[in-house]
């Protein structure tokens, strides 16, 4: 059975598609979309639906209570491992060479196949590492 696509859902999907490498709280999304008259409850409801459809991934970061959401249905995200900076919150796609080396190493050493769509590695990005020196 197909789901009715509301104006709010279309607007939210458009917003997320334009920012596939970013993580947002529902409150941040609602604030950014305030001019489009999308309520916080509509954002939460649609994010929940999108998560159950596999289009959005939710995560938490160390010490934070708020849940962050990332659009995962972007073509650029398919089959990628993601790197998430614990300081600035930006998410990056891991390079193809790095993905191949890591998945092969895990497969050989632990006889384990990584689920690329669900794997996120946390650490510091180059910009944040540079500012920490």
C-alpha atoms as a PDB file:
ATOM      1  CA  UNK A   1       0.000   0.000   0.000  1.00  0.00           C
ATOM      2  CA  UNK A   2       1.522   3.340  -1.017  1.00  0.00           C
ATOM      3  CA  UNK A   3       1.848   6.131   1.495  1.00  0.00           C
ATOM      4  CA  UNK A   4       0.162   9.464   0.871  1.00  0.00           C
ATOM      5  CA  UNK A   5       2.848  12.065   0.205  1.00  0.00           C
ATOM      6  CA  UNK A   6       2.053  15.325   1.951  1.00  0.00           C
ATOM      7  CA  UNK A   7       3.404  18.776   1.195  1.00  0.00           C
ATOM      8  CA  UNK A   8       5.447  18.574   4.420  1.00  0.00           C
ATOM      9  CA  UNK A   9       6.987  15.244   3.429  1.00  0.00           C
ATOM     10  CA  UNK A  10       7.931  16.560  -0.020  1.00  0.00           C
ATOM     11  CA  UNK A  11       9.512  19.663   1.515  1.00  0.00           C
ATOM     12  CA  UNK A  12      11.399  17.618   4.119  1.00  0.00           C
ATOM     13  CA  UNK A  13      12.704  15.187   1.498  1.00  0.00           C
ATOM     14  CA  UNK A  14      13.834  18.083  -0.675  1.00  0.00           C
ATOM     15  CA  UNK A  15      15.641  19.661   2.283  1.00  0.00           C
ATOM     16  CA  UNK A  16      17.379  16.393   3.227  1.00  0.00           C
ATOM     17  CA  UNK A  17      18.322  15.468  -0.361  1.00  0.00           C
ATOM     18  CA  UNK A  18      20.227  18.722  -0.683  1.00  0.00           C
ATOM     19  CA  UNK A  19      22.246  17.905   2.460  1.00  0.00           C
ATOM     20  CA  UNK A  20      23.078  14.177   2.397  1.00  0.00           C
ATOM     21  CA  UNK A  21      26.361  14.557   4.283  1.00  0.00           C
ATOM     22  CA  UNK A  22      24.899  16.451   7.227  1.00  0.00           C
ATOM     23  CA  UNK A  23      23.283  15.317  10.445  1.00  0.00           C
ATOM     24  CA  UNK A  24      20.425  17.285  11.987  1.00  0.00           C
ATOM     25  CA  UNK A  25      18.231  17.145  15.031  1.00  0.00           C
ATOM     26  CA  UNK A  26      14.491  17.303  14.361  1.00  0.00           C
ATOM     27  CA  UNK A  27      14.472  20.721  16.031  1.00  0.00           C
ATOM     28  CA  UNK A  28      17.219  22.013  13.689  1.00  0.00           C
ATOM     29  CA  UNK A  29      15.238  20.800  10.673  1.00  0.00           C
ATOM     30  CA  UNK A  30      12.013  22.398  11.905  1.00  0.00           C
ATOM     31  CA  UNK A  31      13.827  25.672  12.562  1.00  0.00           C
ATOM     32  CA  UNK A  32      15.439  25.656   9.103  1.00  0.00           C
ATOM     33  CA  UNK A  33      12.060  24.931   7.493  1.00  0.00           C
ATOM     34  CA  UNK A  34      10.080  27.439   9.549  1.00  0.00           C
ATOM     35  CA  UNK A  35       9.214  29.539   6.464  1.00  0.00           C
ATOM     36  CA  UNK A  36       7.559  26.482   4.932  1.00  0.00           C
ATOM     37  CA  UNK A  37       5.222  26.161   7.924  1.00  0.00           C
ATOM     38  CA  UNK A  38       6.314  22.681   8.918  1.00  0.00           C
ATOM     39  CA  UNK A  39       5.752  21.972  12.593  1.00  0.00           C
ATOM     40  CA  UNK A  40       8.165  20.120  14.823  1.00  0.00           C
ATOM     41  CA  UNK A  41       5.606  17.318  15.232  1.00  0.00           C
ATOM     42  CA  UNK A  42       5.327  16.965  11.435  1.00  0.00           C
ATOM     43  CA  UNK A  43       9.124  16.767  11.195  1.00  0.00           C
ATOM     44  CA  UNK A  44       9.238  14.035  13.860  1.00  0.00           C
ATOM     45  CA  UNK A  45       6.389  12.082  12.237  1.00  0.00           C
ATOM     46  CA  UNK A  46       7.954  12.223   8.784  1.00  0.00           C
ATOM     47  CA  UNK A  47      11.441  11.378  10.061  1.00  0.00           C
ATOM     48  CA  UNK A  48      10.006   8.324  11.793  1.00  0.00           C
ATOM     49  CA  UNK A  49       8.340   7.194   8.566  1.00  0.00           C
ATOM     50  CA  UNK A  50      11.493   7.860   6.530  1.00  0.00           C
ATOM     51  CA  UNK A  51      13.573   5.913   9.042  1.00  0.00           C
ATOM     52  CA  UNK A  52      11.265   2.887   8.837  1.00  0.00           C
ATOM     53  CA  UNK A  53      11.581   3.074   5.031  1.00  0.00           C
ATOM     54  CA  UNK A  54      15.386   3.109   5.269  1.00  0.00           C
ATOM     55  CA  UNK A  55      15.741   6.596   3.803  1.00  0.00           C
ATOM     56  CA  UNK A  56      16.944   8.223   7.022  1.00  0.00           C
ATOM     57  CA  UNK A  57      19.388   6.975   9.636  1.00  0.00           C
ATOM     58  CA  UNK A  58      19.280   8.164  13.207  1.00  0.00           C
ATOM     59  CA  UNK A  59      22.245   8.317  15.512  1.00  0.00           C
ATOM     60  CA  UNK A  60      23.433   9.793  18.760  1.00  0.00           C
ATOM     61  CA  UNK A  61      26.834  11.171  19.552  1.00  0.00           C
ATOM     62  CA  UNK A  62      28.768  10.630  22.738  1.00  0.00           C
ATOM     63  CA  UNK A  63      27.332  12.594  25.611  1.00  0.00           C
ATOM     64  CA  UNK A  64      24.434  14.067  23.615  1.00  0.00           C
ATOM     65  CA  UNK A  65      20.821  13.313  24.386  1.00  0.00           C
ATOM     66  CA  UNK A  66      19.336  14.514  21.112  1.00  0.00           C
ATOM     67  CA  UNK A  67      18.989  12.190  18.176  1.00  0.00           C
ATOM     68  CA  UNK A  68      20.474  13.290  14.860  1.00  0.00           C
ATOM     69  CA  UNK A  69      19.148  12.267  11.471  1.00  0.00           C
ATOM     70  CA  UNK A  70      20.909  11.819   8.143  1.00  0.00           C
ATOM     71  CA  UNK A  71      19.404  11.232   4.715  1.00  0.00           C
ATOM     72  CA  UNK A  72      20.755   7.914   3.442  1.00  0.00           C
ATOM     73  CA  UNK A  73      18.780   7.447   0.237  1.00  0.00           C
ATOM     74  CA  UNK A  74      21.009   9.815  -1.730  1.00  0.00           C
ATOM     75  CA  UNK A  75      22.699   8.150  -4.668  1.00  0.00           C
ATOM     76  CA  UNK A  76      26.073   9.336  -3.358  1.00  0.00           C
ATOM     77  CA  UNK A  77      25.514   7.409  -0.089  1.00  0.00           C
ATOM     78  CA  UNK A  78      24.758   4.010  -1.559  1.00  0.00           C
ATOM     79  CA  UNK A  79      27.410   1.498  -0.596  1.00  0.00           C
ATOM     80  CA  UNK A  80      29.493   4.073   1.285  1.00  0.00           C
ATOM     81  CA  UNK A  81      30.981   3.861   4.695  1.00  0.00           C
ATOM     82  CA  UNK A  82      30.539   7.100   6.566  1.00  0.00           C
ATOM     83  CA  UNK A  83      33.045   8.969   8.712  1.00  0.00           C
ATOM     84  CA  UNK A  84      31.498  11.227  11.346  1.00  0.00           C
ATOM     85  CA  UNK A  85      33.460  13.932  13.163  1.00  0.00           C
ATOM     86  CA  UNK A  86      32.681  13.881  16.861  1.00  0.00           C
ATOM     87  CA  UNK A  87      33.625  17.546  17.236  1.00  0.00           C
ATOM     88  CA  UNK A  88      31.889  19.369  14.345  1.00  0.00           C
ATOM     89  CA  UNK A  89      29.306  16.688  13.476  1.00  0.00           C
ATOM     90  CA  UNK A  90      30.067  16.646   9.751  1.00  0.00           C
ATOM     91  CA  UNK A  91      29.771  13.324   7.974  1.00  0.00           C
ATOM     92  CA  UNK A  92      31.976  12.296   5.066  1.00  0.00           C
ATOM     93  CA  UNK A  93      32.057   9.396   2.641  1.00  0.00           C
ATOM     94  CA  UNK A  94      35.084   7.207   3.143  1.00  0.00           C
ATOM     95  CA  UNK A  95      37.288   6.994   0.051  1.00  0.00           C
ATOM     96  CA  UNK A  96      36.857   3.968  -2.188  1.00  0.00           C
ATOM     97  CA  UNK A  97      40.381   2.729  -1.471  1.00  0.00           C
ATOM     98  CA  UNK A  98      39.826   3.023   2.272  1.00  0.00           C
ATOM     99  CA  UNK A  99      36.488   1.216   2.108  1.00  0.00           C
ATOM    100  CA  UNK A 100      37.966  -1.674   0.141  1.00  0.00           C
ATOM    101  CA  UNK A 101      40.958  -2.005   2.468  1.00  0.00           C
ATOM    102  CA  UNK A 102      38.845  -1.845   5.638  1.00  0.00           C
ATOM    103  CA  UNK A 103      36.120  -4.240   4.513  1.00  0.00           C
ATOM    104  CA  UNK A 104      38.710  -6.703   3.227  1.00  0.00           C
ATOM    105  CA  UNK A 105      40.721  -6.515   6.463  1.00  0.00           C
ATOM    106  CA  UNK A 106      37.622  -7.066   8.620  1.00  0.00           C
ATOM    107  CA  UNK A 107      36.486  -9.904   6.383  1.00  0.00           C
ATOM    108  CA  UNK A 108      39.863 -11.667   6.552  1.00  0.00           C
ATOM    109  CA  UNK A 109      40.732 -11.064  10.202  1.00  0.00           C
ATOM    110  CA  UNK A 110      37.295 -11.569  11.736  1.00  0.00           C
ATOM    111  CA  UNK A 111      35.345 -13.442   9.044  1.00  0.00           C
ATOM    112  CA  UNK A 112      32.788 -10.651   9.187  1.00  0.00           C
ATOM    113  CA  UNK A 113      31.087  -8.743   6.365  1.00  0.00           C
ATOM    114  CA  UNK A 114      30.437  -5.073   7.129  1.00  0.00           C
ATOM    115  CA  UNK A 115      27.058  -3.620   6.214  1.00  0.00           C
ATOM    116  CA  UNK A 116      28.228  -0.493   4.409  1.00  0.00           C
ATOM    117  CA  UNK A 117      24.871   1.257   4.655  1.00  0.00           C
ATOM    118  CA  UNK A 118      24.822   0.897   8.438  1.00  0.00           C
ATOM    119  CA  UNK A 119      28.488   1.461   9.270  1.00  0.00           C
ATOM    120  CA  UNK A 120      29.653   4.800  10.651  1.00  0.00           C
ATOM    121  CA  UNK A 121      33.158   5.401  11.967  1.00  0.00           C
ATOM    122  CA  UNK A 122      33.604   8.176  14.528  1.00  0.00           C
ATOM    123  CA  UNK A 123      36.662  10.339  15.042  1.00  0.00           C
ATOM    124  CA  UNK A 124      38.032  13.790  14.186  1.00  0.00           C
ATOM    125  CA  UNK A 125      37.997  15.255  10.674  1.00  0.00           C
ATOM    126  CA  UNK A 126      41.091  16.921   9.243  1.00  0.00           C
ATOM    127  CA  UNK A 127      39.864  20.430  10.025  1.00  0.00           C
ATOM    128  CA  UNK A 128      39.074  19.601  13.654  1.00  0.00           C
ATOM    129  CA  UNK A 129      42.307  17.661  14.087  1.00  0.00           C
ATOM    130  CA  UNK A 130      44.218  20.666  12.749  1.00  0.00           C
ATOM    131  CA  UNK A 131      42.496  23.030  15.175  1.00  0.00           C
ATOM    132  CA  UNK A 132      43.260  20.655  18.070  1.00  0.00           C
ATOM    133  CA  UNK A 133      47.020  20.873  17.488  1.00  0.00           C
END
